Amino acid sequence: MATIKLQLIGKAENVPIYLRLSVNRNLTPRAKTGLFINPKDWSSTTGLPKQTTSANKNLSTDLQNLKIYIFKKFNDASSEGVEISKDWLQHNIDVFFSRKNEENLSELLTDAIQSIIDEVATRKNAKGGLGLSKSRKDAYISLKNVLIEYQKEKRYKVKDVNLKFGKDFLKYLLHTKKYQKSTALKKLADLKTVCNDAELNGIEANIQYKKIESSKPNNENIIYLTPLELEKIQKAELINEAHQNARKWLLLGCNLGQRGGDLLQLNETNFVKRNGLEVIELKQQKTGKNVTIPVLETTKEIIASGLPYKISIQKFNKYIKVICKKAELNDMIKGSKIQVTVKGQGNKKKRKIDGVYPKWELMASHVCRRSFASNLYGILPTPLIMQITQHSSERLLLNYIGKNTLDYAQQIADFYTLQALKDKKEPQLTVLKNVINQ
């Protein structure tokens, strides 16, 4: 006759409770119940929690009901010829505690995240194709890891994600994990995606998850290089060849408006002629979109002595800080700077810390694309800027360069003023200087 025994494994203050099903000498599967207890509260005589507190009494009731449930499932499986195994036992334990349904779909939040991670190769991406990028996979792995830290011994289900959960989790990300607002809100957005995906797969979800605020905040500290600062960079005295090479990449980047990863991959094959026009053709890594950029005179001047040689994005970020320091970009501005703290056993934690810093300290590869868009806004038609930066909407572009609706209104007003002058078709006389003959 089959027997069931509950066991503790470990010597910590809170150890997991296991259930062992003994069918015969050769078949004794054991699986986690997902419950924990302090060994001091466990009775080796009864094989159950001591009846000393209401929490222990409730736990004891749950465990006894679990044993009854597993016995029933075992008898049903035996009569139907179902194979008994550790997986079978774990599945039925999880079903009893509503962690999974009968169709073997886990209701646990961490399992819902893992489901997306396991399917990255076949999931539809933003480009309309199959397969999520490595950065998206890493984002879900990060979300799962931080959620495991957050829940500790508690195992949240998809249906537990409501407005209160969203607020509490956000506070944890901001105050305990010290994430930037944008990073914390992105994790909430990923969490909502997980809940939506689980719901579509038949797992119970709380309707409130859709109302969790996860909108990306407006850019508050827009950092870009002005034409005057670019001129100072161009004239800065640099002795180190690596710095001279990085300066060429920096100037080229501010002239082409591409992300650092795309910029540093450029080579001679990207420069082609189309209908007699010299252009740069590339495929953006993040968006997968093809971009064609005209080779202007300023671009030709930058690469007159040849294209810069390849360097890593890490070295580029490091060198441009040195270059901008040499160019004396010392204005104190608001921004965030990555600081590395060492945790136990040599583990490092990186966090962006808000503050006021010399401008050169805040330089990184993203300054190239932002400088391009900011310097040309209001000069080049916005759709043409978007064609090169590949922002999907004017709203996103304006947020990216820190422009608001008033700036947008000003651009429209300037356009109509210019049109009105053209419609008059009147010669415009300009007095350059009054000359009085003596």
Foldseek 3Di string as FASTA:
>chain_A
DKDKAWDFDDQDQKTWIKIWIDPDPVAIAIDTLLHIHGPVQADPVVRAGHPPDPVRVVRRVLVVVLRVQVVVVVVVCVVVVHDDHNVVSHQSSQCSVQQAPPVRRGQFLLVLLVVCLVQQQADQDPLRDGGDDPVVSVLSVVLSVVVCVVQPSHTDGQQVQAQVNLVVQLCCCCPVVVADLQSSLVSLVVSLVSSVVVVVVPHDHHPRSVVRDRDGDFDDFFDAAAPVLLVLLVPQDDDDPLLLLLNLLLQLLLQQQEFPVFSLVDDPVQWDADPNFTWGWDQHPPNRDIAIGGCDPSNCVSQVVHHRHHDDQVVSFVSQLVSSVSSVQFDWGWDWAWDWDADPPRDIDIHTDIDTGRSSRPDGRNNNNLSNLLNCVLPDPPVVNCRRNVDPDVVVSCSNNVHDVVVVVVSVVVVVVVVVVVVVVDDDDDDDDDDDDD
